[in-house]
N, C-alpha and C. Protein backbone atom coordinates (compact mmCIF):
# COMPACT_ATOMS: atom_id res chain seq x y z
N MET A 1 -8.40 7.70 62.82
CA MET A 1 -7.63 7.88 61.46
C MET A 1 -8.73 8.96 60.25
N THR A 2 -7.54 9.97 60.36
CA THR A 2 -8.46 10.82 58.92
C THR A 2 -8.23 10.42 57.92
N VAL A 3 -9.09 9.80 56.75
CA VAL A 3 -8.49 9.73 55.39
C VAL A 3 -9.38 10.92 54.56
N HIS A 4 -9.18 10.87 53.63
CA HIS A 4 -10.02 11.65 52.32
C HIS A 4 -10.03 10.42 50.91
N ARG A 5 -11.13 10.87 50.90
CA ARG A 5 -11.13 9.49 49.07
C ARG A 5 -11.82 10.54 48.13
N ILE A 6 -11.30 10.89 47.57
CA ILE A 6 -11.73 11.53 46.06
C ILE A 6 -11.80 10.91 44.61
N GLU A 7 -12.67 11.15 43.69
CA GLU A 7 -12.75 10.76 42.40
C GLU A 7 -11.81 11.68 41.56
N GLN A 8 -11.20 11.29 40.76
CA GLN A 8 -10.15 12.19 39.60
C GLN A 8 -10.04 11.44 38.35
N SER A 9 -10.48 11.92 36.80
CA SER A 9 -10.54 11.26 35.95
C SER A 9 -8.99 11.60 35.26
N ILE A 10 -8.32 11.05 34.64
CA ILE A 10 -7.14 11.18 34.02
C ILE A 10 -7.38 10.74 32.58
N ASN A 11 -6.88 10.92 32.06
CA ASN A 11 -6.77 10.43 30.23
C ASN A 11 -8.51 10.08 29.98
N GLY A 12 -9.35 10.42 30.71
CA GLY A 12 -10.51 9.54 30.37
C GLY A 12 -10.67 8.23 31.06
N ARG A 13 -9.92 7.87 32.19
CA ARG A 13 -10.49 7.08 32.81
C ARG A 13 -10.88 7.41 34.38
N THR A 14 -11.84 6.55 35.38
CA THR A 14 -11.84 7.40 36.19
C THR A 14 -11.03 6.99 37.60
N TYR A 15 -10.56 7.40 38.52
CA TYR A 15 -9.55 6.43 39.72
C TYR A 15 -10.24 7.05 40.81
N GLN A 16 -10.27 6.21 41.53
CA GLN A 16 -10.90 6.31 43.00
C GLN A 16 -9.48 6.20 44.51
N ILE A 17 -9.34 7.87 44.81
CA ILE A 17 -7.85 7.71 45.54
C ILE A 17 -8.10 8.20 46.45
N GLU A 18 -7.57 7.19 47.45
CA GLU A 18 -7.47 7.28 49.10
C GLU A 18 -6.37 8.44 49.54
N ALA A 19 -6.38 9.55 50.19
CA ALA A 19 -5.54 9.98 51.24
C ALA A 19 -5.55 9.96 52.42
N MET A 20 -4.02 9.25 53.38
CA MET A 20 -4.94 8.91 54.51
C MET A 20 -3.74 9.52 55.75
N LEU A 21 -4.04 10.12 56.73
CA LEU A 21 -2.84 10.21 57.54
C LEU A 21 -2.22 9.94 57.89
N VAL A 22 -1.14 9.38 58.26
CA VAL A 22 0.21 8.41 58.51
C VAL A 22 1.18 9.14 59.63
N ASP A 23 1.21 10.24 59.71
CA ASP A 23 2.46 10.88 60.45
C ASP A 23 1.41 12.40 60.76
N PRO A 24 1.78 12.74 61.47
CA PRO A 24 1.41 14.37 61.58
C PRO A 24 1.33 14.98 60.54
N GLU A 25 2.54 15.54 59.78
CA GLU A 25 3.10 15.95 59.00
C GLU A 25 2.98 15.01 57.54
N ARG A 26 2.07 13.78 57.51
CA ARG A 26 2.51 13.16 55.92
C ARG A 26 1.68 12.22 55.47
N TRP A 27 1.55 12.57 54.32
CA TRP A 27 -0.02 12.01 54.05
C TRP A 27 0.71 11.00 52.64
N ARG A 28 -0.52 9.41 52.69
CA ARG A 28 -0.51 8.55 51.98
C ARG A 28 -1.50 8.31 51.35
N ALA A 29 -1.30 8.87 49.44
CA ALA A 29 -2.06 8.93 48.98
C ALA A 29 -1.64 7.56 47.93
N TYR A 30 -3.07 6.96 47.26
CA TYR A 30 -3.25 5.78 47.13
C TYR A 30 -4.76 5.02 46.00
N LEU A 31 -4.12 4.53 45.21
CA LEU A 31 -5.74 3.76 43.93
C LEU A 31 -6.01 2.85 45.07
N VAL A 32 -7.66 3.35 45.23
CA VAL A 32 -8.31 2.44 45.65
C VAL A 32 -9.13 1.43 44.40
N SER A 33 -8.60 0.16 44.76
CA SER A 33 -9.54 -0.74 44.08
C SER A 33 -11.10 -1.57 43.73
N THR A 34 -11.36 -1.41 43.78
CA THR A 34 -13.07 -1.76 43.58
C THR A 34 -13.72 -2.87 44.12
N ALA A 35 -12.41 -3.39 44.42
CA ALA A 35 -13.00 -4.17 45.61
C ALA A 35 -13.27 -3.56 46.52
N GLY A 36 -12.36 -2.49 47.06
CA GLY A 36 -12.69 -1.20 48.01
C GLY A 36 -11.11 -1.51 49.24
N GLY A 37 -10.21 -2.19 49.04
CA GLY A 37 -8.84 -2.50 49.36
C GLY A 37 -7.93 -1.87 48.52
N SER A 38 -6.74 -1.25 49.06
CA SER A 38 -5.66 -0.67 48.21
C SER A 38 -5.21 -1.49 47.20
N THR A 39 -4.36 -1.07 46.36
CA THR A 39 -4.22 -1.36 45.10
C THR A 39 -2.09 -2.01 45.78
N ALA A 40 -1.97 -2.75 44.33
CA ALA A 40 -0.66 -2.84 44.30
C ALA A 40 -0.15 -1.93 43.43
N LEU A 41 -0.48 -0.53 43.71
CA LEU A 41 0.62 0.69 42.82
C LEU A 41 1.26 1.33 44.47
N MET A 42 2.33 1.89 44.04
CA MET A 42 2.81 2.05 45.04
C MET A 42 1.75 3.54 45.89
N PRO A 43 2.27 3.92 46.68
CA PRO A 43 1.65 4.99 47.46
C PRO A 43 2.46 6.55 47.29
N PHE A 44 1.74 7.36 47.42
CA PHE A 44 2.23 8.58 46.76
C PHE A 44 2.39 9.36 47.95
N TYR A 45 3.73 10.27 48.80
CA TYR A 45 3.38 10.49 49.83
C TYR A 45 3.76 12.56 50.06
N GLY A 46 3.12 13.79 50.64
CA GLY A 46 3.43 14.31 51.05
C GLY A 46 2.94 14.64 51.94
N THR A 47 3.12 16.47 52.18
CA THR A 47 2.66 16.78 53.42
C THR A 47 1.64 17.31 53.74
N THR A 48 0.83 17.06 52.71
CA THR A 48 -0.75 17.22 52.80
C THR A 48 -1.09 16.75 52.03
N ALA A 49 -3.03 16.26 52.76
CA ALA A 49 -3.35 15.17 51.63
C ALA A 49 -3.41 15.32 49.94
N GLU A 50 -3.24 16.16 49.93
CA GLU A 50 -3.78 17.66 48.51
C GLU A 50 -2.48 17.09 48.33
N GLN A 51 -1.31 17.59 48.36
CA GLN A 51 0.31 17.56 47.64
C GLN A 51 -0.17 15.94 47.38
N ALA A 52 0.07 14.58 48.42
CA ALA A 52 0.09 13.54 47.46
C ALA A 52 -0.76 13.14 46.94
N VAL A 53 -2.13 13.81 46.59
CA VAL A 53 -3.14 12.57 45.81
C VAL A 53 -2.13 13.62 44.00
N GLN A 54 -1.92 14.54 44.65
CA GLN A 54 -1.40 15.51 42.77
C GLN A 54 -0.47 14.92 42.62
N GLN A 55 0.83 14.19 43.45
CA GLN A 55 1.35 12.99 42.79
C GLN A 55 1.52 12.26 42.43
N LEU A 56 0.39 11.35 43.13
CA LEU A 56 0.21 10.45 42.35
C LEU A 56 -1.08 10.55 41.49
N THR A 57 -1.51 11.84 40.93
CA THR A 57 -2.25 12.20 39.91
C THR A 57 -1.35 12.28 38.61
N ASN A 58 0.08 13.78 38.87
CA ASN A 58 0.59 13.42 37.66
C ASN A 58 1.22 12.28 37.30
N TRP A 59 1.66 11.24 38.03
CA TRP A 59 2.27 10.18 37.74
C TRP A 59 1.13 9.08 37.25
N LEU A 60 0.45 9.43 37.22
CA LEU A 60 -1.02 8.46 36.21
C LEU A 60 -0.90 9.21 34.90
N THR A 61 -0.77 10.60 34.65
CA THR A 61 -0.98 11.09 33.84
C THR A 61 0.04 10.53 33.28
N LEU A 62 0.67 11.20 33.25
CA LEU A 62 2.32 10.34 32.66
C LEU A 62 2.20 9.17 31.91
N ALA A 63 2.10 8.36 33.47
CA ALA A 63 1.92 7.15 32.67
C ALA A 63 0.58 5.88 31.43
N HIS A 64 -0.26 7.16 31.19
CA HIS A 64 -1.51 6.55 30.79
C HIS A 64 -1.67 7.82 29.46
N GLN A 65 -0.29 8.91 29.22
CA GLN A 65 -0.10 9.64 28.18
C GLN A 65 -0.57 8.19 27.09
N PRO A 66 -1.24 9.19 25.97
CA PRO A 66 -0.77 7.68 24.61
C PRO A 66 1.08 8.03 24.53
N PRO A 67 1.42 7.22 23.35
CA PRO A 67 2.82 7.44 23.01
C PRO A 67 3.20 8.56 22.54
N THR A 68 3.59 8.82 22.42
CA THR A 68 4.38 10.05 21.14
C THR A 68 5.97 9.72 20.50
N PHE A 69 5.68 9.33 19.63
CA PHE A 69 6.38 9.33 18.18
C PHE A 69 7.87 10.55 17.87
N PRO A 70 8.85 9.83 17.80
CA PRO A 70 9.55 10.78 17.12
C PRO A 70 9.25 11.45 15.51
N VAL A 71 9.59 12.49 15.55
CA VAL A 71 9.07 13.07 13.80
C VAL A 71 10.70 13.15 13.35
């Protein structure tokens, strides 16, 4: 099993992300909980580990942005 683990800082929070090869051209990226297993957050997929991690990172960036208020 091929797994890549990275630590990513997003909006001041640190996340442990794993990307796992699930098919010859399909990677799944997901957050790792403090207990070491995956979290309930849905996984993100890509054709490379980097692409899957980037999709998850993009979502986390949007999800944890400070709210913006209309002017």
